[in-house]
């Protein structure tokens, strides 16, 4: 909705492009802030680390991400305006990343109504703030207002609610260090995963310009419905999968995986077909006639977003079974494909080349990880713990 509103507020795609550039660049550093530890946290069925240790570790990773992002934007050739926009958007992403660790505690305690209320309130406030300040001033003030509004919700709602469930601080420096060290491979994995998508969009901006990135982002935004629906499915799923591992229910684990995979394929296929026939009409209503020349990008973007959801699902599964090596190798292959094909395909096919890059690289990863998953389950019979005997 932020992207849609930005198109409504401004006459060209330059501002939308700057917003899209900030989203693209901060994706990398947000993955450092998140540290890819949410799935690890929720699936920590043996409670190796305390809730306060997860919170303190997240504070450190958020601070590191902000500093690294600030350093990056001054090393790379961005305009002064782009640098400020990216840093301000990173502050917003860091706040989101910190609230995520609180939501991990909520999720583990099956208090997902806390998460739902937080997301709803923050979504409404950030959108309202973006619209008002974007209309009165410019996109920079809109991003700052968005960051401030979500931070307020974190302090007034998320922290007090989660405090009822757990102690949010810890002085166990060694444990915090060990947690950060333990999840470091997950963070590197997340960087590789995000880079598969981010590099393709970054290359689009470098080769075809900021406005081209803005137009592509605007067109692909409706396809995010797939990822939103998938996220609603994934949040409770990790609890269920962790339960299967704890109780030794291999059959249910496999059934959940297959049903989720089928659902993702069906959602993606349906949206891609609908966007092929009704894409121009939908985009014209959502934006205006100026977007029509780019409508041909939507079907491919739908498939790309569907594959992103598949990779998120695979990350969840492999983290739950703790096969980080297999997950890393699969994603690394996808990144190599993305890096080696992006410039060639974007120069040869134009803007639509970004779809080709993401679809090819992500499809290969999903295929390889699916094979790896069934092989790993078959060759690790001790993966599913038998139920502990009940004492009489």
Protein backbone atom coordinates (compact mmCIF):
# COMPACT_ATOMS: atom_id res chain seq x y z
CA UNK A 1 0.00 0.00 0.00
CA UNK A 2 2.91 2.35 0.65
CA UNK A 3 4.07 1.84 -2.94
CA UNK A 4 0.54 2.36 -4.28
CA UNK A 5 0.11 5.56 -2.26
CA UNK A 6 3.50 6.84 -3.46
CA UNK A 7 2.31 6.43 -7.07
CA UNK A 8 -0.89 8.33 -6.24
CA UNK A 9 0.95 11.17 -4.50
CA UNK A 10 3.62 11.89 -7.10
CA UNK A 11 3.42 12.63 -10.80
CA UNK A 12 6.34 10.48 -11.94
CA UNK A 13 8.05 7.26 -10.93
CA UNK A 14 11.23 8.93 -9.65
CA UNK A 15 9.97 9.22 -6.05
CA UNK A 16 8.55 5.70 -6.28
CA UNK A 17 11.93 4.60 -7.60
CA UNK A 18 13.76 6.18 -4.66
CA UNK A 19 11.34 4.45 -2.28
CA UNK A 20 11.84 1.15 -4.10
CA UNK A 21 15.62 1.64 -3.98
CA UNK A 22 15.43 2.20 -0.21
CA UNK A 23 13.33 -0.96 0.16
CA UNK A 24 15.76 -2.94 -2.00
CA UNK A 25 18.96 -1.80 -0.27
CA UNK A 26 17.58 -2.09 3.26
CA UNK A 27 16.42 -5.64 2.54
CA UNK A 28 20.07 -6.67 2.86
CA UNK A 29 20.67 -4.85 6.14
CA UNK A 30 17.28 -5.75 7.58
CA UNK A 31 18.30 -9.39 7.17
CA UNK A 32 21.32 -8.61 9.38
CA UNK A 33 19.03 -6.96 11.95
CA UNK A 34 16.57 -9.86 11.89
CA UNK A 35 19.51 -12.30 11.94
CA UNK A 36 17.13 -14.92 10.53
CA UNK A 37 16.56 -16.07 14.11
CA UNK A 38 12.75 -15.92 14.33
CA UNK A 39 12.25 -19.50 13.14
CA UNK A 40 15.14 -20.66 15.35
CA UNK A 41 13.60 -18.82 18.31
CA UNK A 42 10.11 -20.25 17.88
CA UNK A 43 11.37 -23.78 17.16
CA UNK A 44 13.66 -23.72 20.23
CA UNK A 45 11.62 -26.51 21.80
CA UNK A 46 14.33 -27.37 24.36
CA UNK A 47 14.63 -23.71 25.46
CA UNK A 48 18.39 -23.56 24.98
CA UNK A 49 18.24 -19.78 25.27
CA UNK A 50 16.02 -17.53 27.37
CA UNK A 51 13.63 -14.95 25.94
CA UNK A 52 15.69 -12.06 27.33
CA UNK A 53 18.76 -13.37 25.53
CA UNK A 54 16.91 -13.35 22.22
CA UNK A 55 15.81 -9.75 22.87
CA UNK A 56 19.27 -8.48 23.82
CA UNK A 57 20.85 -10.25 20.85
CA UNK A 58 18.32 -8.57 18.54
CA UNK A 59 19.17 -5.13 19.94
CA UNK A 60 22.81 -5.72 19.05
CA UNK A 61 22.07 -6.95 15.53
CA UNK A 62 19.73 -3.99 14.87
CA UNK A 63 22.46 -1.53 15.92
CA UNK A 64 25.01 -3.30 13.71
CA UNK A 65 22.64 -3.25 10.73
CA UNK A 66 22.06 0.51 11.03
CA UNK A 67 25.79 1.24 11.17
CA UNK A 68 26.59 -1.05 8.23
CA UNK A 69 23.80 0.47 6.12
CA UNK A 70 25.04 4.01 6.86
CA UNK A 71 28.56 3.00 5.81
CA UNK A 72 27.31 1.29 2.63
CA UNK A 73 25.33 4.25 1.28
CA UNK A 74 28.39 6.49 1.51
CA UNK A 75 30.63 3.97 -0.23
CA UNK A 76 28.30 3.31 -3.18
CA UNK A 77 27.51 6.02 -5.72
CA UNK A 78 24.10 7.29 -4.57
CA UNK A 79 22.78 10.84 -4.70
CA UNK A 80 22.62 12.77 -1.38
CA UNK A 81 18.81 12.51 -1.38
CA UNK A 82 18.93 8.74 -1.96
CA UNK A 83 21.42 8.33 0.90
CA UNK A 84 19.18 10.14 3.40
CA UNK A 85 16.08 8.25 2.25
CA UNK A 86 17.84 4.88 2.55
CA UNK A 87 19.17 5.60 6.07
CA UNK A 88 15.76 6.83 7.31
CA UNK A 89 14.07 3.78 5.83
CA UNK A 90 16.67 1.60 7.56
CA UNK A 91 15.69 3.11 10.91
CA UNK A 92 12.11 2.06 10.16
CA UNK A 93 13.27 -1.46 9.24
CA UNK A 94 15.37 -1.73 12.41
CA UNK A 95 12.32 -0.91 14.53
CA UNK A 96 10.33 -3.57 12.66
CA UNK A 97 13.15 -6.04 13.26
CA UNK A 98 13.18 -5.41 17.00
CA UNK A 99 9.41 -5.83 17.29
CA UNK A 100 9.82 -9.13 15.39
CA UNK A 101 11.74 -10.70 18.30
CA UNK A 102 8.91 -9.69 20.64
CA UNK A 103 6.46 -11.33 18.26
CA UNK A 104 8.60 -14.47 18.41
CA UNK A 105 7.93 -14.64 22.14
CA UNK A 106 4.21 -14.00 21.53
CA UNK A 107 4.10 -16.71 18.88
CA UNK A 108 5.87 -19.27 21.04
CA UNK A 109 3.26 -18.66 23.75
CA UNK A 110 0.41 -18.91 21.19
CA UNK A 111 -0.53 -15.27 21.83
CA UNK A 112 -0.78 -14.44 18.15
CA UNK A 113 -3.64 -12.01 18.82
CA UNK A 114 -0.91 -9.70 20.17
CA UNK A 115 0.88 -9.96 16.83
CA UNK A 116 -2.31 -9.36 14.86
CA UNK A 117 -3.27 -6.25 16.82
CA UNK A 118 0.27 -4.86 16.57
CA UNK A 119 0.44 -5.40 12.81
CA UNK A 120 -3.00 -3.89 12.29
CA UNK A 121 -2.35 -0.77 14.39
CA UNK A 122 1.12 -0.21 12.98
CA UNK A 123 -0.15 -0.77 9.44
CA UNK A 124 -2.92 1.79 9.80
CA UNK A 125 -0.72 4.38 11.54
CA UNK A 126 2.23 4.06 9.17
CA UNK A 127 -0.01 4.31 6.13
CA UNK A 128 -1.84 7.35 7.55
CA UNK A 129 1.46 9.03 8.50
CA UNK A 130 2.92 8.31 5.06
CA UNK A 131 -0.10 9.78 3.28
CA UNK A 132 -0.30 12.95 5.39
CA UNK A 133 3.40 13.81 5.47
CA UNK A 134 3.96 12.65 1.90
CA UNK A 135 1.18 14.97 0.75
CA UNK A 136 2.22 17.96 2.92
CA UNK A 137 5.98 17.63 2.40
CA UNK A 138 7.86 14.94 0.44
CA UNK A 139 8.73 11.27 0.49
CA UNK A 140 11.59 11.76 3.00
CA UNK A 141 9.26 13.26 5.62
CA UNK A 142 6.74 10.52 4.82
CA UNK A 143 9.31 7.81 5.65
CA UNK A 144 10.38 9.58 8.86
CA UNK A 145 6.73 9.88 9.98
CA UNK A 146 6.20 6.21 9.19
CA UNK A 147 9.21 5.21 11.31
CA UNK A 148 8.13 7.37 14.26
CA UNK A 149 4.55 6.05 14.24
CA UNK A 150 5.60 2.38 14.31
CA UNK A 151 8.17 3.06 17.05
CA UNK A 152 5.45 4.58 19.24
CA UNK A 153 3.31 1.45 18.85
CA UNK A 154 6.29 -0.70 19.83
CA UNK A 155 6.83 1.23 23.06
CA UNK A 156 3.16 1.62 24.01
CA UNK A 157 1.83 -1.79 22.97
CA UNK A 158 4.32 -4.50 21.97
CA UNK A 159 6.79 -4.13 24.82
CA UNK A 160 4.16 -3.93 27.61
CA UNK A 161 2.21 -6.90 26.21
CA UNK A 162 5.26 -9.12 25.75
CA UNK A 163 6.53 -8.19 29.22
CA UNK A 164 3.54 -10.11 30.58
CA UNK A 165 4.89 -13.27 28.97
CA UNK A 166 8.63 -13.07 29.56
CA UNK A 167 11.57 -11.15 31.01
CA UNK A 168 12.89 -9.00 28.16
CA UNK A 169 16.37 -8.29 29.52
CA UNK A 170 19.39 -10.41 30.31
CA UNK A 171 22.87 -9.92 31.75
CA UNK A 172 24.09 -13.28 30.46
CA UNK A 173 26.68 -11.86 28.08
CA UNK A 174 28.17 -15.26 27.31
CA UNK A 175 24.80 -16.74 26.40
CA UNK A 176 23.96 -13.76 24.19
CA UNK A 177 27.31 -14.15 22.45
CA UNK A 178 26.73 -17.88 21.98
CA UNK A 179 23.26 -17.21 20.56
CA UNK A 180 24.63 -14.69 18.07
CA UNK A 181 27.38 -17.13 17.14
CA UNK A 182 24.91 -20.01 16.82
CA UNK A 183 22.61 -18.05 14.51
CA UNK A 184 25.43 -16.48 12.47
CA UNK A 185 25.15 -19.16 9.73
CA UNK A 186 21.40 -18.44 9.59
CA UNK A 187 22.13 -14.74 9.09
CA UNK A 188 24.62 -15.46 6.29
CA UNK A 189 22.03 -17.75 4.77
CA UNK A 190 19.44 -14.98 4.94
CA UNK A 191 21.86 -12.56 3.26
CA UNK A 192 22.39 -15.02 0.42
CA UNK A 193 18.64 -15.62 0.13
CA UNK A 194 17.79 -11.89 0.05
CA UNK A 195 20.66 -11.15 -2.34
CA UNK A 196 19.13 -13.45 -4.97
CA UNK A 197 16.19 -11.04 -5.24
CA UNK A 198 17.89 -7.80 -4.25
CA UNK A 199 20.71 -8.00 -6.75
CA UNK A 200 18.31 -8.39 -9.67
CA UNK A 201 16.42 -5.22 -8.64
CA UNK A 202 19.63 -3.36 -7.82
CA UNK A 203 20.98 -4.24 -11.28
CA UNK A 204 17.70 -3.02 -12.81
CA UNK A 205 18.18 0.40 -11.15
CA UNK A 206 21.82 0.60 -12.20
CA UNK A 207 21.17 -0.39 -15.85
CA UNK A 208 17.74 1.10 -16.62
CA UNK A 209 17.47 3.87 -14.01
CA UNK A 210 15.54 4.73 -10.85
CA UNK A 211 12.26 5.35 -12.70
CA UNK A 212 12.39 1.88 -14.26
CA UNK A 213 12.80 0.37 -10.79
CA UNK A 214 9.89 2.50 -9.56
CA UNK A 215 7.64 1.33 -12.40
CA UNK A 216 8.58 -2.33 -11.87
CA UNK A 217 7.94 -2.07 -8.13
CA UNK A 218 4.54 -0.45 -8.73
CA UNK A 219 3.54 -3.18 -11.19
CA UNK A 220 4.74 -6.05 -8.99
CA UNK A 221 3.12 -4.70 -5.82
CA UNK A 222 -0.32 -6.34 -6.43
CA UNK A 223 1.44 -9.71 -6.62
CA UNK A 224 2.46 -9.25 -2.97
CA UNK A 225 -1.02 -10.59 -2.17
CA UNK A 226 0.56 -14.03 -2.69
CA UNK A 227 3.26 -13.38 -0.10
CA UNK A 228 0.79 -11.86 2.38
CA UNK A 229 -1.45 -14.92 2.11
CA UNK A 230 1.56 -17.21 2.42
CA UNK A 231 2.78 -15.40 5.55
CA UNK A 232 -0.62 -15.88 7.20
CA UNK A 233 -0.16 -19.59 6.53
CA UNK A 234 3.46 -19.77 7.70
CA UNK A 235 3.18 -18.05 11.10
CA UNK A 236 1.25 -20.84 12.87
CA UNK A 237 2.87 -23.52 10.70
CA UNK A 238 6.27 -23.38 12.39
CA UNK A 239 4.63 -24.14 15.75
CA UNK A 240 2.90 -27.16 14.20
CA UNK A 241 6.06 -28.41 12.48
CA UNK A 242 8.08 -28.03 15.67
CA UNK A 243 5.38 -30.01 17.46
CA UNK A 244 5.71 -32.79 14.87
CA UNK A 245 9.46 -32.95 15.48
CA UNK A 246 8.96 -33.03 19.23
CA UNK A 247 6.34 -35.80 19.15
CA UNK A 248 8.00 -37.82 16.40
CA UNK A 249 5.06 -37.46 14.02
CA UNK A 250 6.88 -37.83 10.69
CA UNK A 251 3.71 -38.57 8.74
CA UNK A 252 2.00 -35.35 9.82
CA UNK A 253 5.17 -33.33 9.16
CA UNK A 254 5.33 -34.65 5.57
CA UNK A 255 1.61 -34.09 5.05
CA UNK A 256 1.87 -30.46 6.24
CA UNK A 257 4.80 -29.86 3.88
CA UNK A 258 2.98 -31.30 0.85
CA UNK A 259 -0.30 -29.48 1.55
CA UNK A 260 1.49 -26.15 2.01
CA UNK A 261 3.53 -26.63 -1.16
CA UNK A 262 0.39 -27.43 -3.17
CA UNK A 263 -1.36 -24.37 -1.73
CA UNK A 264 1.55 -22.11 -2.73
CA UNK A 265 1.64 -23.49 -6.28
CA UNK A 266 -2.12 -23.09 -6.68
CA UNK A 267 -2.14 -19.51 -5.36
CA UNK A 268 0.76 -18.48 -7.58
CA UNK A 269 -0.65 -20.14 -10.70
CA UNK A 270 -4.10 -18.64 -10.20
CA UNK A 271 -2.75 -15.12 -9.65
CA UNK A 272 -0.41 -15.36 -12.67
CA UNK A 273 -3.26 -16.46 -14.95
CA UNK A 274 -5.61 -13.75 -13.67
CA UNK A 275 -2.92 -11.09 -14.05
CA UNK A 276 -2.35 -12.17 -17.66
CA UNK A 277 -5.98 -11.56 -18.58
CA UNK A 278 -6.92 -8.73 -16.20
CA UNK A 279 -3.55 -7.15 -15.35
CA UNK A 280 -3.90 -4.00 -17.48
CA UNK A 281 -7.44 -3.35 -16.25
CA UNK A 282 -6.47 -3.85 -12.59
CA UNK A 283 -3.37 -1.66 -12.80
CA UNK A 284 -5.31 1.09 -14.59
CA UNK A 285 -7.83 1.16 -11.74
CA UNK A 286 -5.15 0.92 -9.04
CA UNK A 287 -2.91 3.62 -10.54
CA UNK A 288 -3.69 5.33 -13.85
CA UNK A 289 -3.07 4.93 -17.58
CA UNK A 290 0.66 5.75 -17.28
CA UNK A 291 1.32 2.29 -15.82
CA UNK A 292 -0.26 0.41 -18.75
CA UNK A 293 2.98 0.18 -20.80
CA UNK A 294 4.48 -1.82 -17.92
CA UNK A 295 1.51 -4.16 -17.32
CA UNK A 296 3.21 -6.98 -19.25
CA UNK A 297 5.58 -7.37 -16.29
CA UNK A 298 2.86 -8.49 -13.84
CA UNK A 299 2.41 -12.21 -14.75
CA UNK A 300 6.15 -12.89 -14.47
CA UNK A 301 6.36 -10.80 -11.29
CA UNK A 302 3.56 -12.96 -9.83
CA UNK A 303 5.57 -16.11 -10.45
CA UNK A 304 8.67 -14.46 -8.95
CA UNK A 305 6.76 -13.46 -5.80
CA UNK A 306 5.29 -16.96 -5.55
CA UNK A 307 8.81 -18.40 -5.67
CA UNK A 308 9.92 -15.94 -2.97
CA UNK A 309 7.16 -17.37 -0.78
CA UNK A 310 8.39 -20.88 -1.57
CA UNK A 311 11.90 -19.93 -0.45
CA UNK A 312 10.55 -18.44 2.78
CA UNK A 313 8.73 -21.73 3.37
CA UNK A 314 11.87 -23.73 2.67
CA UNK A 315 13.82 -21.54 5.09
CA UNK A 316 11.21 -22.30 7.75
CA UNK A 317 11.34 -26.06 7.12
CA UNK A 318 15.13 -26.37 7.00
CA UNK A 319 15.57 -24.21 10.11
CA UNK A 320 13.11 -26.42 12.00
CA UNK A 321 15.04 -29.58 11.08
CA UNK A 322 18.37 -27.72 11.58
CA UNK A 323 19.77 -28.59 8.13
CA UNK A 324 21.46 -25.23 7.71
CA UNK A 325 24.22 -26.58 5.45
CA UNK A 326 21.78 -27.90 2.86
CA UNK A 327 19.78 -24.69 2.92
CA UNK A 328 22.91 -22.57 2.53
CA UNK A 329 24.30 -24.53 -0.42
CA UNK A 330 20.96 -24.42 -2.23
CA UNK A 331 20.64 -20.65 -1.79
CA UNK A 332 24.28 -20.07 -2.69
CA UNK A 333 23.69 -21.79 -6.04
CA UNK A 334 20.71 -19.49 -6.60
CA UNK A 335 22.83 -16.41 -5.80
CA UNK A 336 25.55 -17.50 -8.24
CA UNK A 337 22.89 -17.85 -10.96
CA UNK A 338 21.45 -14.42 -10.11
CA UNK A 339 24.83 -12.68 -10.12
CA UNK A 340 25.95 -14.33 -13.36
CA UNK A 341 22.75 -13.75 -15.35
CA UNK A 342 21.36 -10.40 -14.14
CA UNK A 343 23.40 -8.03 -16.31
CA UNK A 344 23.10 -10.25 -19.38
CA UNK A 345 19.33 -10.76 -19.16
CA UNK A 346 18.58 -7.13 -18.21
CA UNK A 347 20.61 -5.84 -21.13
CA UNK A 348 19.13 -8.35 -23.59
CA UNK A 349 15.46 -8.41 -22.52
CA UNK A 350 15.14 -4.97 -20.92
CA UNK A 351 13.11 -4.45 -17.75
CA UNK A 352 11.36 -7.84 -18.00
CA UNK A 353 14.79 -9.42 -17.59
CA UNK A 354 14.46 -8.88 -13.82
CA UNK A 355 11.60 -11.41 -13.83
CA UNK A 356 13.69 -13.89 -15.80
CA UNK A 357 16.60 -13.59 -13.35
CA UNK A 358 14.45 -14.10 -10.25
CA UNK A 359 12.36 -16.93 -11.70
CA UNK A 360 15.33 -18.94 -12.99
CA UNK A 361 17.49 -18.53 -9.88
CA UNK A 362 14.69 -19.16 -7.38
CA UNK A 363 13.15 -22.09 -9.27
CA UNK A 364 16.50 -23.88 -9.27
CA UNK A 365 16.85 -23.32 -5.50
CA UNK A 366 13.33 -24.59 -4.74
CA UNK A 367 13.91 -27.70 -6.88
CA UNK A 368 17.26 -28.52 -5.25
CA UNK A 369 15.98 -27.90 -1.71
CA UNK A 370 12.94 -30.14 -2.24
CA UNK A 371 15.22 -33.01 -3.28
CA UNK A 372 17.53 -32.28 -0.34
CA UNK A 373 14.63 -32.24 2.15
CA UNK A 374 13.31 -35.71 1.31
CA UNK A 375 16.84 -37.10 1.20
CA UNK A 376 17.66 -35.56 4.59
CA UNK A 377 14.51 -36.94 6.23
CA UNK A 378 15.18 -40.39 4.79
CA UNK A 379 18.83 -40.52 5.90
CA UNK A 380 18.26 -39.07 9.39
CA UNK A 381 15.84 -41.43 11.16
CA UNK A 382 16.65 -39.82 14.53
CA UNK A 383 15.34 -36.44 13.34
CA UNK A 384 11.87 -37.11 14.67
CA UNK A 385 12.13 -37.63 18.40
CA UNK A 386 9.90 -40.38 19.83
CA UNK A 387 7.40 -39.22 22.44
CA UNK A 388 8.83 -39.28 25.94
CA UNK A 389 7.36 -42.07 28.09
CA UNK A 390 4.71 -40.90 30.53
CA UNK A 391 5.58 -41.44 34.18
CA UNK A 392 2.96 -43.32 36.15
